[in-house]
Amino acid sequence: MSSSNTSRACRTVISLQAQVTRRPVGSRSGLKAMATPDERFGSKVTAVVSPRGNAQLDLASVQEDARKHVAGYKVPRELHVVDEVPRAPSGKPAYPKALEIALAGSHKVE
């Protein structure tokens, strides 16, 4: 992943998280968006999400919701649904653990 693609992806992720966390989360109780490797573009926006209650999330519904709030290139291209988004001792989402989940792919949802 080139440094320009990485920094662009990081700015995109920060913007997406800021937009999503400023409003009611609806069916999501936790979200961590990050840049992950992409063969075609170098990096892509990936979201690790924990649903609220028994809500069922799929990539299409998350993308549709995100498009209402952020530019198209900031919309997640990959979704991983977990029981709980990992958190650091400070209570903030733990980026390294969420990245591990995304790269492992065991919670990926289409």
Foldseek 3Di string as FASTA:
>chain_A
DDPVLQVVQVVLQVQLVVQCVVDDNVQWPDKHWHWDQDPPRGTAIEMETETHDPDDDALVVQQVVSVVGDPNRSRGPWYFYDNDQPADPVRHRDVVVVVVRVVVCPRTHD
